Amino acid sequence: MTSIAVRLEACAKTFADGTRALHPVDLEFRPGEKVAILGPSGCGKTTTLRIIAGLEMPDAGGRVWFAGEDVTALPVEKRNVGMVFQNYALFPNMTVAENVAYGLKIRGAGRSEREQRVMKMLEMMRIRELAERRIDQLSGGQRQRVALARALAVSPRVLLLDEPLTALDAKLRDSLRIEIDALLRGLDVLAIYVTHDQAEAMALGDRIIVMSQGRVAQAGTPREIYHHPANRFVAEFVGTLNRVPGRIAGDQIETPGGRLPWPRGGSGTVEVFFRPESVTLADGGGQLAGTVTSHFFLGDRTRLVIDLGGHPIIVETVARREFRNGEAVRLDVDPATLFTLS
């Protein structure tokens, strides 16, 4: 597979009933990059993917470029993209091997070439022993592997994945996420992965494009998106976020639970944000005082809901002790992780 760059130029999409699914976007995808397009239902992420694939035409003026070539008018079968869908779109009347070989057959590959390529893909997915099975004899995870093998068999220039793990149970989803990551890291192919699951986006994306209401809210590395959100939507959609009202007083912020260091200065009232993992339980002292209102033992950690003067925050701790509702606690927050948003 030879990886290429893809560029969207002023691509928008308005459907026949007047619905604007996508406002004009300009996006670039680099060769070999793994990009996750993340957002809630209806945000435009799947429409963006379908425009790249050639399944949807952008509104007038929009352009799609593959390796510097304008492919806007090129149909999907001419773009040489591999696609993996949420429902797998496998042919139930064909065996596993026949499903994987389908794209090669359509492209006119000879029987010997098809057989060699199919076996290589099945070995890569570790499902060679399933070659002669029917699709209805496979588990969800096995079907997902078949769908990936079929998409990769044609040596696509771009691999497009539209929420491919959504239909699987949580444990299998976590397992396949690791396998897909290892697989994609070993392939020199641009992979664009659409998901509403922030954990999948964080795990699989070299870069994440967060979308909201048909627009790009922020694009950046997983760390940039998580630690330096561009706006309130990104901050709240990606990960759990605590918010506390406060008033800047010199180099501190006065909050309902106590004072937090604020070396950035300023004045006036603010809303200060921080992540649950930025908070630690203090043995004594502590910047903030609160009361446990709920506690959830999750095995490797305990999640606490703590009331700070009428403002609940979430804290996660690995402390091996039991908590009780109504218990008073003291907290410290890493000042380097505090931020405000416009």
C-alpha atoms as a PDB file:
ATOM      1  CA  MET A   1       0.000   0.000   0.000  1.00  0.00           C
ATOM      2  CA  THR A   2       1.260   3.431  -0.979  1.00  0.00           C
ATOM      3  CA  SER A   3       0.058   6.129   1.370  1.00  0.00           C
ATOM      4  CA  ILE A   4      -1.070   9.493   0.035  1.00  0.00           C
ATOM      5  CA  ALA A   5      -2.165  12.872   1.364  1.00  0.00           C
ATOM      6  CA  VAL A   6      -5.819  13.915   1.265  1.00  0.00           C
ATOM      7  CA  ARG A   7      -7.100  17.467   1.339  1.00  0.00           C
ATOM      8  CA  LEU A   8     -10.602  18.869   1.640  1.00  0.00           C
ATOM      9  CA  GLU A   9     -11.077  22.406   0.356  1.00  0.00           C
ATOM     10  CA  ALA A  10     -14.220  24.354   1.307  1.00  0.00           C
ATOM     11  CA  CYS A  11     -16.227  21.132   1.499  1.00  0.00           C
ATOM     12  CA  ALA A  12     -19.808  21.614   2.666  1.00  0.00           C
ATOM     13  CA  LYS A  13     -22.889  19.437   2.329  1.00  0.00           C
ATOM     14  CA  THR A  14     -26.512  20.527   2.077  1.00  0.00           C
ATOM     15  CA  PHE A  15     -29.123  17.830   1.500  1.00  0.00           C
ATOM     16  CA  ALA A  16     -32.158  18.123  -0.771  1.00  0.00           C
ATOM     17  CA  ASP A  17     -34.470  19.079   2.107  1.00  0.00           C
ATOM     18  CA  GLY A  18     -32.245  22.031   2.955  1.00  0.00           C
ATOM     19  CA  THR A  19     -30.501  20.414   5.920  1.00  0.00           C
ATOM     20  CA  ARG A  20     -26.915  21.680   6.238  1.00  0.00           C
ATOM     21  CA  ALA A  21     -25.021  18.606   7.446  1.00  0.00           C
ATOM     22  CA  LEU A  22     -21.588  20.146   6.985  1.00  0.00           C
ATOM     23  CA  HIS A  23     -20.450  23.750   6.865  1.00  0.00           C
ATOM     24  CA  PRO A  24     -17.431  24.542   4.643  1.00  0.00           C
ATOM     25  CA  VAL A  25     -14.356  22.812   6.075  1.00  0.00           C
ATOM     26  CA  ASP A  26     -10.712  22.804   5.053  1.00  0.00           C
ATOM     27  CA  LEU A  27      -8.843  19.737   6.265  1.00  0.00           C
ATOM     28  CA  GLU A  28      -5.514  18.109   5.464  1.00  0.00           C
ATOM     29  CA  PHE A  29      -4.554  14.494   6.147  1.00  0.00           C
ATOM     30  CA  ARG A  30      -0.904  13.505   5.842  1.00  0.00           C
ATOM     31  CA  PRO A  31       0.408  10.263   4.286  1.00  0.00           C
ATOM     32  CA  GLY A  32       0.518   7.414   6.801  1.00  0.00           C
ATOM     33  CA  GLU A  33      -1.309   9.451   9.434  1.00  0.00           C
ATOM     34  CA  LYS A  34      -3.945   7.941  11.731  1.00  0.00           C
ATOM     35  CA  VAL A  35      -6.695  10.530  12.229  1.00  0.00           C
ATOM     36  CA  ALA A  36      -9.785  10.205  14.394  1.00  0.00           C
ATOM     37  CA  ILE A  37     -12.812  12.367  13.577  1.00  0.00           C
ATOM     38  CA  LEU A  38     -14.660  12.681  16.868  1.00  0.00           C
ATOM     39  CA  GLY A  39     -18.028  14.138  17.762  1.00  0.00           C
ATOM     40  CA  PRO A  40     -21.622  13.457  18.818  1.00  0.00           C
ATOM     41  CA  SER A  41     -24.322  12.154  16.488  1.00  0.00           C
ATOM     42  CA  GLY A  42     -25.269  14.630  13.798  1.00  0.00           C
ATOM     43  CA  CYS A  43     -22.060  16.660  14.002  1.00  0.00           C
ATOM     44  CA  GLY A  44     -21.014  15.984  10.378  1.00  0.00           C
ATOM     45  CA  LYS A  45     -18.245  13.447  10.919  1.00  0.00           C
ATOM     46  CA  THR A  46     -19.748  10.637   8.810  1.00  0.00           C
ATOM     47  CA  THR A  47     -20.698  13.121   6.086  1.00  0.00           C
ATOM     48  CA  THR A  48     -17.058  14.229   5.985  1.00  0.00           C
ATOM     49  CA  LEU A  49     -15.944  10.610   5.633  1.00  0.00           C
ATOM     50  CA  ARG A  50     -18.465   9.946   2.853  1.00  0.00           C
ATOM     51  CA  ILE A  51     -17.239  12.989   0.930  1.00  0.00           C
ATOM     52  CA  ILE A  52     -13.671  11.663   1.144  1.00  0.00           C
ATOM     53  CA  ALA A  53     -14.854   8.251  -0.040  1.00  0.00           C
ATOM     54  CA  GLY A  54     -16.869   9.644  -2.946  1.00  0.00           C
ATOM     55  CA  LEU A  55     -20.195   8.438  -1.557  1.00  0.00           C
ATOM     56  CA  GLU A  56     -21.350  12.059  -1.237  1.00  0.00           C
ATOM     57  CA  MET A  57     -20.619  15.061  -3.459  1.00  0.00           C
ATOM     58  CA  PRO A  58     -19.719  18.297  -1.673  1.00  0.00           C
ATOM     59  CA  ASP A  59     -21.712  21.433  -2.390  1.00  0.00           C
ATOM     60  CA  ALA A  60     -20.627  23.565  -5.325  1.00  0.00           C
ATOM     61  CA  GLY A  61     -17.152  24.993  -4.780  1.00  0.00           C
ATOM     62  CA  GLY A  62     -15.937  22.142  -2.568  1.00  0.00           C
ATOM     63  CA  ARG A  63     -12.925  20.149  -3.705  1.00  0.00           C
ATOM     64  CA  VAL A  64     -11.391  16.811  -2.659  1.00  0.00           C
ATOM     65  CA  TRP A  65      -7.729  16.183  -3.449  1.00  0.00           C
ATOM     66  CA  PHE A  66      -5.878  12.852  -3.391  1.00  0.00           C
ATOM     67  CA  ALA A  67      -2.084  13.236  -3.681  1.00  0.00           C
ATOM     68  CA  GLY A  68      -2.546  16.597  -5.389  1.00  0.00           C
ATOM     69  CA  GLU A  69      -5.139  15.254  -7.859  1.00  0.00           C
ATOM     70  CA  ASP A  70      -8.651  16.714  -7.864  1.00  0.00           C
ATOM     71  CA  VAL A  71     -10.907  13.658  -7.376  1.00  0.00           C
ATOM     72  CA  THR A  72     -14.099  15.585  -6.560  1.00  0.00           C
ATOM     73  CA  ALA A  73     -15.939  14.214  -9.588  1.00  0.00           C
ATOM     74  CA  LEU A  74     -14.355  10.764  -9.353  1.00  0.00           C
ATOM     75  CA  PRO A  75     -16.824   8.048  -8.207  1.00  0.00           C
ATOM     76  CA  VAL A  76     -16.085   5.877  -5.183  1.00  0.00           C
ATOM     77  CA  GLU A  77     -15.012   2.850  -7.265  1.00  0.00           C
ATOM     78  CA  LYS A  78     -12.283   4.940  -8.940  1.00  0.00           C
ATOM     79  CA  ARG A  79     -10.745   6.378  -5.772  1.00  0.00           C
ATOM     80  CA  ASN A  80      -9.254   3.123  -4.432  1.00  0.00           C
ATOM     81  CA  VAL A  81     -10.343   3.588  -0.834  1.00  0.00           C
ATOM     82  CA  GLY A  82     -10.915   0.807   1.671  1.00  0.00           C
ATOM     83  CA  MET A  83     -13.996   1.161   3.853  1.00  0.00           C
ATOM     84  CA  VAL A  84     -15.089  -0.530   7.085  1.00  0.00           C
ATOM     85  CA  PHE A  85     -18.636   0.187   8.229  1.00  0.00           C
ATOM     86  CA  GLN A  86     -20.401  -0.107  11.565  1.00  0.00           C
ATOM     87  CA  ASN A  87     -22.628  -2.904  10.205  1.00  0.00           C
ATOM     88  CA  TYR A  88     -19.657  -4.573   8.417  1.00  0.00           C
ATOM     89  CA  ALA A  89     -21.622  -4.815   5.074  1.00  0.00           C
ATOM     90  CA  LEU A  90     -20.452  -8.395   4.499  1.00  0.00           C
ATOM     91  CA  PHE A  91     -22.144 -10.693   1.979  1.00  0.00           C
ATOM     92  CA  PRO A  92     -24.004 -13.437   3.897  1.00  0.00           C
ATOM     93  CA  ASN A  93     -24.120 -15.734   0.855  1.00  0.00           C
ATOM     94  CA  MET A  94     -20.312 -15.816   0.587  1.00  0.00           C
ATOM     95  CA  THR A  95     -17.622 -17.471   2.676  1.00  0.00           C
ATOM     96  CA  VAL A  96     -15.051 -15.460   4.581  1.00  0.00           C
ATOM     97  CA  ALA A  97     -12.490 -15.959   1.807  1.00  0.00           C
ATOM     98  CA  GLU A  98     -14.986 -14.946  -0.875  1.00  0.00           C
ATOM     99  CA  ASN A  99     -15.874 -11.786   1.022  1.00  0.00           C
ATOM    100  CA  VAL A 100     -12.217 -10.793   1.335  1.00  0.00           C
ATOM    101  CA  ALA A 101     -11.612 -11.554  -2.353  1.00  0.00           C
ATOM    102  CA  TYR A 102     -14.645  -9.612  -3.582  1.00  0.00           C
ATOM    103  CA  GLY A 103     -12.910  -6.262  -4.165  1.00  0.00           C
ATOM    104  CA  LEU A 104      -9.988  -7.950  -5.897  1.00  0.00           C
ATOM    105  CA  LYS A 105     -12.350  -9.814  -8.195  1.00  0.00           C
ATOM    106  CA  ILE A 106     -14.175  -6.613  -9.129  1.00  0.00           C
ATOM    107  CA  ARG A 107     -10.810  -5.050 -10.006  1.00  0.00           C
ATOM    108  CA  GLY A 108      -9.988  -7.932 -12.342  1.00  0.00           C
ATOM    109  CA  ALA A 109      -7.266  -9.651 -10.305  1.00  0.00           C
ATOM    110  CA  GLY A 110      -6.486 -13.202 -11.437  1.00  0.00           C
ATOM    111  CA  ARG A 111      -7.481 -16.218  -9.357  1.00  0.00           C
ATOM    112  CA  SER A 112      -3.930 -16.996  -8.205  1.00  0.00           C
ATOM    113  CA  GLU A 113      -3.331 -13.384  -7.164  1.00  0.00           C
ATOM    114  CA  ARG A 114      -6.668 -13.288  -5.330  1.00  0.00           C
ATOM    115  CA  GLU A 115      -5.963 -16.470  -3.401  1.00  0.00           C
ATOM    116  CA  GLN A 116      -2.492 -15.310  -2.330  1.00  0.00           C
ATOM    117  CA  ARG A 117      -3.758 -11.913  -1.259  1.00  0.00           C
ATOM    118  CA  VAL A 118      -6.716 -13.359   0.622  1.00  0.00           C
ATOM    119  CA  MET A 119      -4.529 -15.774   2.572  1.00  0.00           C
ATOM    120  CA  LYS A 120      -2.136 -12.957   3.440  1.00  0.00           C
ATOM    121  CA  MET A 121      -4.991 -10.808   4.757  1.00  0.00           C
ATOM    122  CA  LEU A 122      -6.534 -13.656   6.752  1.00  0.00           C
ATOM    123  CA  GLU A 123      -3.162 -14.432   8.330  1.00  0.00           C
ATOM    124  CA  MET A 124      -2.697 -10.763   9.177  1.00  0.00           C
ATOM    125  CA  MET A 125      -6.077 -10.800  10.930  1.00  0.00           C
ATOM    126  CA  ARG A 126      -5.352 -14.201  12.505  1.00  0.00           C
ATOM    127  CA  ILE A 127      -8.502 -15.767  11.036  1.00  0.00           C
ATOM    128  CA  ARG A 128      -7.062 -18.040   8.360  1.00  0.00           C
ATOM    129  CA  GLU A 129      -8.850 -21.042   9.864  1.00  0.00           C
ATOM    130  CA  LEU A 130     -12.170 -19.287   9.177  1.00  0.00           C
ATOM    131  CA  ALA A 131     -11.627 -19.013   5.418  1.00  0.00           C
ATOM    132  CA  GLU A 132     -14.469 -21.380   4.468  1.00  0.00           C
ATOM    133  CA  ARG A 133     -16.916 -20.307   7.177  1.00  0.00           C
ATOM    134  CA  ARG A 134     -20.140 -18.521   6.325  1.00  0.00           C
ATOM    135  CA  ILE A 135     -20.631 -15.038   7.727  1.00  0.00           C
ATOM    136  CA  ASP A 136     -23.577 -16.120   9.888  1.00  0.00           C
ATOM    137  CA  GLN A 137     -21.258 -18.582  11.656  1.00  0.00           C
ATOM    138  CA  LEU A 138     -18.968 -15.809  12.911  1.00  0.00           C
ATOM    139  CA  SER A 139     -18.943 -13.759  16.101  1.00  0.00           C
ATOM    140  CA  GLY A 140     -19.045  -9.964  16.027  1.00  0.00           C
ATOM    141  CA  GLY A 141     -15.294  -9.703  16.532  1.00  0.00           C
ATOM    142  CA  GLN A 142     -14.604 -12.201  13.743  1.00  0.00           C
ATOM    143  CA  ARG A 143     -16.880 -10.314  11.364  1.00  0.00           C
ATOM    144  CA  GLN A 144     -15.003  -7.133  12.174  1.00  0.00           C
ATOM    145  CA  ARG A 145     -11.725  -8.803  11.264  1.00  0.00           C
ATOM    146  CA  VAL A 146     -13.208 -10.019   7.975  1.00  0.00           C
ATOM    147  CA  ALA A 147     -14.384  -6.493   7.161  1.00  0.00           C
ATOM    148  CA  LEU A 148     -10.904  -5.118   7.848  1.00  0.00           C
ATOM    149  CA  ALA A 149      -9.283  -7.854   5.752  1.00  0.00           C
ATOM    150  CA  ARG A 150     -11.605  -7.088   2.833  1.00  0.00           C
ATOM    151  CA  ALA A 151     -10.888  -3.355   3.055  1.00  0.00           C
ATOM    152  CA  LEU A 152      -7.121  -3.885   3.098  1.00  0.00           C
ATOM    153  CA  ALA A 153      -7.016  -6.629   0.452  1.00  0.00           C
ATOM    154  CA  VAL A 154      -7.280  -4.118  -2.409  1.00  0.00           C
ATOM    155  CA  SER A 155      -4.225  -2.135  -1.168  1.00  0.00           C
ATOM    156  CA  PRO A 156      -6.255   1.066  -0.725  1.00  0.00           C
ATOM    157  CA  ARG A 157      -4.698   4.502  -0.938  1.00  0.00           C
ATOM    158  CA  VAL A 158      -6.859   5.557   2.030  1.00  0.00           C
ATOM    159  CA  LEU A 159      -8.515   3.432   4.716  1.00  0.00           C
ATOM    160  CA  LEU A 160     -11.809   4.816   6.037  1.00  0.00           C
ATOM    161  CA  LEU A 161     -13.448   3.392   9.164  1.00  0.00           C
ATOM    162  CA  ASP A 162     -16.938   4.504  10.196  1.00  0.00           C
ATOM    163  CA  GLU A 163     -17.558   3.614  13.871  1.00  0.00           C
ATOM    164  CA  PRO A 164     -16.427   0.002  13.266  1.00  0.00           C
ATOM    165  CA  LEU A 165     -16.501  -1.088  16.923  1.00  0.00           C
ATOM    166  CA  THR A 166     -19.825   0.391  18.039  1.00  0.00           C
ATOM    167  CA  ALA A 167     -21.790  -2.865  17.687  1.00  0.00           C
ATOM    168  CA  LEU A 168     -19.394  -4.855  19.900  1.00  0.00           C
ATOM    169  CA  ASP A 169     -19.511  -5.370  23.657  1.00  0.00           C
ATOM    170  CA  ALA A 170     -17.179  -3.273  25.807  1.00  0.00           C
ATOM    171  CA  LYS A 171     -14.546  -5.940  26.521  1.00  0.00           C
ATOM    172  CA  LEU A 172     -14.274  -7.032  22.875  1.00  0.00           C
ATOM    173  CA  ARG A 173     -14.200  -3.405  21.792  1.00  0.00           C
ATOM    174  CA  ASP A 174     -11.197  -2.747  24.040  1.00  0.00           C
ATOM    175  CA  SER A 175      -9.418  -5.842  22.718  1.00  0.00           C
ATOM    176  CA  LEU A 176     -10.034  -5.013  19.064  1.00  0.00           C
ATOM    177  CA  ARG A 177      -9.012  -1.402  19.636  1.00  0.00           C
ATOM    178  CA  ILE A 178      -5.555  -2.621  20.660  1.00  0.00           C
ATOM    179  CA  GLU A 179      -5.373  -4.960  17.659  1.00  0.00           C
ATOM    180  CA  ILE A 180      -6.472  -2.290  15.183  1.00  0.00           C
ATOM    181  CA  ASP A 181      -3.923   0.140  16.592  1.00  0.00           C
ATOM    182  CA  ALA A 182      -1.115  -2.414  16.193  1.00  0.00           C
ATOM    183  CA  LEU A 183      -2.300  -3.256  12.681  1.00  0.00           C
ATOM    184  CA  LEU A 184      -2.502   0.345  11.504  1.00  0.00           C
ATOM    185  CA  ARG A 185       0.889   1.188  13.007  1.00  0.00           C
ATOM    186  CA  GLY A 186       2.398  -1.560  10.863  1.00  0.00           C
ATOM    187  CA  LEU A 187       0.830  -0.279   7.628  1.00  0.00           C
ATOM    188  CA  ASP A 188       1.891   2.712   5.583  1.00  0.00           C
ATOM    189  CA  VAL A 189      -1.628   3.878   4.843  1.00  0.00           C
ATOM    190  CA  LEU A 190      -3.589   6.994   5.711  1.00  0.00           C
ATOM    191  CA  ALA A 191      -6.365   5.829   8.057  1.00  0.00           C
ATOM    192  CA  ILE A 192      -9.309   8.088   8.924  1.00  0.00           C
ATOM    193  CA  TYR A 193     -11.437   6.795  11.778  1.00  0.00           C
ATOM    194  CA  VAL A 194     -14.879   8.188  12.622  1.00  0.00           C
ATOM    195  CA  THR A 195     -16.122   7.657  16.182  1.00  0.00           C
ATOM    196  CA  HIS A 196     -18.230   9.212  18.930  1.00  0.00           C
ATOM    197  CA  ASP A 197     -16.129   7.356  21.534  1.00  0.00           C
ATOM    198  CA  GLN A 198     -13.456   9.622  22.993  1.00  0.00           C
ATOM    199  CA  ALA A 199     -11.419   6.664  24.309  1.00  0.00           C
ATOM    200  CA  GLU A 200     -11.203   5.193  20.798  1.00  0.00           C
ATOM    201  CA  ALA A 201     -10.195   8.550  19.354  1.00  0.00           C
ATOM    202  CA  MET A 202      -7.496   8.993  22.000  1.00  0.00           C
ATOM    203  CA  ALA A 203      -6.164   5.463  21.527  1.00  0.00           C
ATOM    204  CA  LEU A 204      -6.151   5.332  17.724  1.00  0.00           C
ATOM    205  CA  GLY A 205      -5.524   8.873  16.535  1.00  0.00           C
ATOM    206  CA  ASP A 206      -2.159  10.516  15.946  1.00  0.00           C
ATOM    207  CA  ARG A 207      -4.400  13.517  15.528  1.00  0.00           C
ATOM    208  CA  ILE A 208      -8.021  14.147  16.514  1.00  0.00           C
ATOM    209  CA  ILE A 209     -10.498  16.371  14.688  1.00  0.00           C
ATOM    210  CA  VAL A 210     -13.361  17.282  17.018  1.00  0.00           C
ATOM    211  CA  MET A 211     -16.561  18.280  15.228  1.00  0.00           C
ATOM    212  CA  SER A 212     -19.678  20.048  16.456  1.00  0.00           C
ATOM    213  CA  GLN A 213     -22.783  21.068  14.516  1.00  0.00           C
ATOM    214  CA  GLY A 214     -21.163  20.581  11.132  1.00  0.00           C
ATOM    215  CA  ARG A 215     -17.996  22.502  11.955  1.00  0.00           C
ATOM    216  CA  VAL A 216     -14.476  21.682  13.157  1.00  0.00           C
ATOM    217  CA  ALA A 217     -14.288  22.662  16.814  1.00  0.00           C
ATOM    218  CA  GLN A 218     -10.591  21.813  17.212  1.00  0.00           C
ATOM    219  CA  ALA A 219      -7.884  19.719  15.577  1.00  0.00           C
ATOM    220  CA  GLY A 220      -4.738  18.566  17.349  1.00  0.00           C
ATOM    221  CA  THR A 221      -2.934  15.690  19.016  1.00  0.00           C
ATOM    222  CA  PRO A 222      -4.798  13.755  21.728  1.00  0.00           C
ATOM    223  CA  ARG A 223      -2.751  15.540  24.395  1.00  0.00           C
ATOM    224  CA  GLU A 224      -3.483  18.968  22.915  1.00  0.00           C
ATOM    225  CA  ILE A 225      -7.196  18.248  22.690  1.00  0.00           C
ATOM    226  CA  TYR A 226      -7.384  16.924  26.250  1.00  0.00           C
ATOM    227  CA  HIS A 227      -5.089  19.318  28.101  1.00  0.00           C
ATOM    228  CA  HIS A 228      -5.582  22.472  26.007  1.00  0.00           C
ATOM    229  CA  PRO A 229      -9.180  22.474  24.697  1.00  0.00           C
ATOM    230  CA  ALA A 230      -9.926  25.380  22.387  1.00  0.00           C
ATOM    231  CA  ASN A 231     -13.424  25.991  23.727  1.00  0.00           C
ATOM    232  CA  ARG A 232     -16.042  24.827  26.184  1.00  0.00           C
ATOM    233  CA  PHE A 233     -17.564  22.234  23.834  1.00  0.00           C
ATOM    234  CA  VAL A 234     -14.251  20.415  23.336  1.00  0.00           C
ATOM    235  CA  ALA A 235     -13.409  20.594  27.026  1.00  0.00           C
ATOM    236  CA  GLU A 236     -16.720  19.062  28.050  1.00  0.00           C
ATOM    237  CA  PHE A 237     -16.974  16.490  25.254  1.00  0.00           C
ATOM    238  CA  VAL A 238     -13.470  15.057  25.610  1.00  0.00           C
ATOM    239  CA  GLY A 239     -13.035  13.513  29.045  1.00  0.00           C
ATOM    240  CA  THR A 240     -14.619  14.392  32.366  1.00  0.00           C
ATOM    241  CA  LEU A 241     -14.388  18.012  33.403  1.00  0.00           C
ATOM    242  CA  ASN A 242     -14.805  19.730  36.753  1.00  0.00           C
ATOM    243  CA  ARG A 243     -15.915  23.340  36.927  1.00  0.00           C
ATOM    244  CA  VAL A 244     -15.938  25.629  39.943  1.00  0.00           C
ATOM    245  CA  PRO A 245     -16.883  29.328  40.094  1.00  0.00           C
ATOM    246  CA  GLY A 246     -14.351  31.647  41.629  1.00  0.00           C
ATOM    247  CA  ARG A 247     -12.982  35.155  42.021  1.00  0.00           C
ATOM    248  CA  ILE A 248      -9.385  36.068  41.277  1.00  0.00           C
ATOM    249  CA  ALA A 249      -7.679  37.651  44.289  1.00  0.00           C
ATOM    250  CA  GLY A 250      -4.047  38.372  43.521  1.00  0.00           C
ATOM    251  CA  ASP A 251      -2.263  35.106  42.869  1.00  0.00           C
ATOM    252  CA  GLN A 252      -5.186  32.979  44.062  1.00  0.00           C
ATOM    253  CA  ILE A 253      -8.742  32.103  43.086  1.00  0.00           C
ATOM    254  CA  GLU A 254     -11.331  32.105  45.859  1.00  0.00           C
ATOM    255  CA  THR A 255     -13.821  29.260  45.338  1.00  0.00           C
ATOM    256  CA  PRO A 256     -16.716  27.888  47.437  1.00  0.00           C
ATOM    257  CA  GLY A 257     -14.391  25.132  48.650  1.00  0.00           C
ATOM    258  CA  GLY A 258     -11.327  27.228  49.425  1.00  0.00           C
ATOM    259  CA  ARG A 259      -8.464  28.967  47.638  1.00  0.00           C
ATOM    260  CA  LEU A 260      -6.550  27.681  44.602  1.00  0.00           C
ATOM    261  CA  PRO A 261      -3.148  29.000  43.420  1.00  0.00           C
ATOM    262  CA  TRP A 262      -3.452  31.212  40.314  1.00  0.00           C
ATOM    263  CA  PRO A 263      -0.043  32.628  39.316  1.00  0.00           C
ATOM    264  CA  ARG A 264      -1.429  33.968  35.994  1.00  0.00           C
ATOM    265  CA  GLY A 265      -2.958  37.014  37.675  1.00  0.00           C
ATOM    266  CA  GLY A 266      -5.965  38.957  36.429  1.00  0.00           C
ATOM    267  CA  SER A 267      -9.116  40.081  38.191  1.00  0.00           C
ATOM    268  CA  GLY A 268     -12.840  39.488  38.397  1.00  0.00           C
ATOM    269  CA  THR A 269     -15.028  36.413  38.530  1.00  0.00           C
ATOM    270  CA  VAL A 270     -14.108  33.309  36.538  1.00  0.00           C
ATOM    271  CA  GLU A 271     -15.090  29.713  36.070  1.00  0.00           C
ATOM    272  CA  VAL A 272     -12.068  27.504  36.654  1.00  0.00           C
ATOM    273  CA  PHE A 273     -11.783  24.034  35.092  1.00  0.00           C
ATOM    274  CA  PHE A 274      -9.717  20.947  35.926  1.00  0.00           C
ATOM    275  CA  ARG A 275      -9.765  17.193  35.264  1.00  0.00           C
ATOM    276  CA  PRO A 276     -10.519  14.558  37.939  1.00  0.00           C
ATOM    277  CA  GLU A 277      -6.978  13.156  37.788  1.00  0.00           C
ATOM    278  CA  SER A 278      -5.589  16.599  38.694  1.00  0.00           C
ATOM    279  CA  VAL A 279      -7.099  16.273  42.176  1.00  0.00           C
ATOM    280  CA  THR A 280      -5.531  14.358  45.065  1.00  0.00           C
ATOM    281  CA  LEU A 281      -6.852  13.627  48.521  1.00  0.00           C
ATOM    282  CA  ALA A 282      -4.834  15.544  51.111  1.00  0.00           C
ATOM    283  CA  ASP A 283      -3.788  13.841  54.344  1.00  0.00           C
ATOM    284  CA  GLY A 284      -3.904  17.138  56.153  1.00  0.00           C
ATOM    285  CA  GLY A 285      -4.430  20.753  55.203  1.00  0.00           C
ATOM    286  CA  GLY A 286      -5.381  20.801  51.534  1.00  0.00           C
ATOM    287  CA  GLN A 287      -6.474  23.680  49.337  1.00  0.00           C
ATOM    288  CA  LEU A 288     -10.162  22.737  49.214  1.00  0.00           C
ATOM    289  CA  ALA A 289     -12.659  21.348  51.705  1.00  0.00           C
ATOM    290  CA  GLY A 290     -15.567  19.211  50.556  1.00  0.00           C
ATOM    291  CA  THR A 291     -17.994  16.440  51.444  1.00  0.00           C
ATOM    292  CA  VAL A 292     -18.380  13.047  49.774  1.00  0.00           C
ATOM    293  CA  THR A 293     -21.902  12.728  48.338  1.00  0.00           C
ATOM    294  CA  SER A 294     -21.410   9.529  46.276  1.00  0.00           C
ATOM    295  CA  HIS A 295     -18.693   6.921  45.882  1.00  0.00           C
ATOM    296  CA  PHE A 296     -18.251   4.183  43.267  1.00  0.00           C
ATOM    297  CA  PHE A 297     -15.699   1.387  43.615  1.00  0.00           C
ATOM    298  CA  LEU A 298     -14.424   0.554  40.101  1.00  0.00           C
ATOM    299  CA  GLY A 299     -11.806  -2.043  40.998  1.00  0.00           C
ATOM    300  CA  ASP A 300      -8.606  -0.235  40.038  1.00  0.00           C
ATOM    301  CA  ARG A 301      -9.881   3.081  41.441  1.00  0.00           C
ATOM    302  CA  THR A 302     -12.703   4.729  43.335  1.00  0.00           C
ATOM    303  CA  ARG A 303     -14.728   7.536  41.814  1.00  0.00           C
ATOM    304  CA  LEU A 304     -15.946  10.133  44.298  1.00  0.00           C
ATOM    305  CA  VAL A 305     -18.521  12.859  43.835  1.00  0.00           C
ATOM    306  CA  ILE A 306     -17.538  15.633  46.215  1.00  0.00           C
ATOM    307  CA  ASP A 307     -19.595  18.688  47.053  1.00  0.00           C
ATOM    308  CA  LEU A 308     -17.690  21.974  47.228  1.00  0.00           C
ATOM    309  CA  GLY A 309     -20.134  24.413  48.737  1.00  0.00           C
ATOM    310  CA  GLY A 310     -22.961  23.432  46.400  1.00  0.00           C
ATOM    311  CA  HIS A 311     -20.773  22.611  43.393  1.00  0.00           C
ATOM    312  CA  PRO A 312     -20.160  18.873  42.774  1.00  0.00           C
ATOM    313  CA  ILE A 313     -16.840  17.725  41.351  1.00  0.00           C
ATOM    314  CA  ILE A 314     -15.561  14.274  40.413  1.00  0.00           C
ATOM    315  CA  VAL A 315     -12.363  12.889  41.914  1.00  0.00           C
ATOM    316  CA  GLU A 316     -10.750   9.540  41.142  1.00  0.00           C
ATOM    317  CA  THR A 317      -8.401   7.968  43.637  1.00  0.00           C
ATOM    318  CA  VAL A 318      -6.416   4.735  43.878  1.00  0.00           C
ATOM    319  CA  ALA A 319      -6.425   4.922  47.659  1.00  0.00           C
ATOM    320  CA  ARG A 320      -7.246   1.463  49.047  1.00  0.00           C
ATOM    321  CA  ARG A 321      -9.776   2.556  51.595  1.00  0.00           C
ATOM    322  CA  GLU A 322     -13.532   2.783  51.872  1.00  0.00           C
ATOM    323  CA  PHE A 323     -15.432   6.037  51.753  1.00  0.00           C
ATOM    324  CA  ARG A 324     -18.814   6.954  53.154  1.00  0.00           C
ATOM    325  CA  ASN A 325     -21.354   9.542  52.132  1.00  0.00           C
ATOM    326  CA  GLY A 326     -21.177  12.669  54.255  1.00  0.00           C
ATOM    327  CA  GLU A 327     -17.458  12.193  54.947  1.00  0.00           C
ATOM    328  CA  ALA A 328     -15.434  15.427  55.028  1.00  0.00           C
ATOM    329  CA  VAL A 329     -12.333  15.449  52.820  1.00  0.00           C
ATOM    330  CA  ARG A 330      -9.525  17.855  51.970  1.00  0.00           C
ATOM    331  CA  LEU A 331      -8.258  18.169  48.404  1.00  0.00           C
ATOM    332  CA  ASP A 332      -5.266  19.510  46.516  1.00  0.00           C
ATOM    333  CA  VAL A 333      -5.406  20.497  42.846  1.00  0.00           C
ATOM    334  CA  ASP A 334      -2.287  20.720  40.677  1.00  0.00           C
ATOM    335  CA  PRO A 335      -2.197  24.444  39.781  1.00  0.00           C
ATOM    336  CA  ALA A 336      -0.517  23.717  36.434  1.00  0.00           C
ATOM    337  CA  THR A 337      -3.657  21.905  35.268  1.00  0.00           C
ATOM    338  CA  LEU A 338      -6.134  24.702  36.008  1.00  0.00           C
ATOM    339  CA  PHE A 339      -7.582  26.600  33.069  1.00  0.00           C
ATOM    340  CA  THR A 340     -10.396  28.954  32.145  1.00  0.00           C
ATOM    341  CA  LEU A 341     -12.456  29.109  28.950  1.00  0.00           C
ATOM    342  CA  SER A 342     -14.168  31.902  27.109  1.00  0.00           C
END
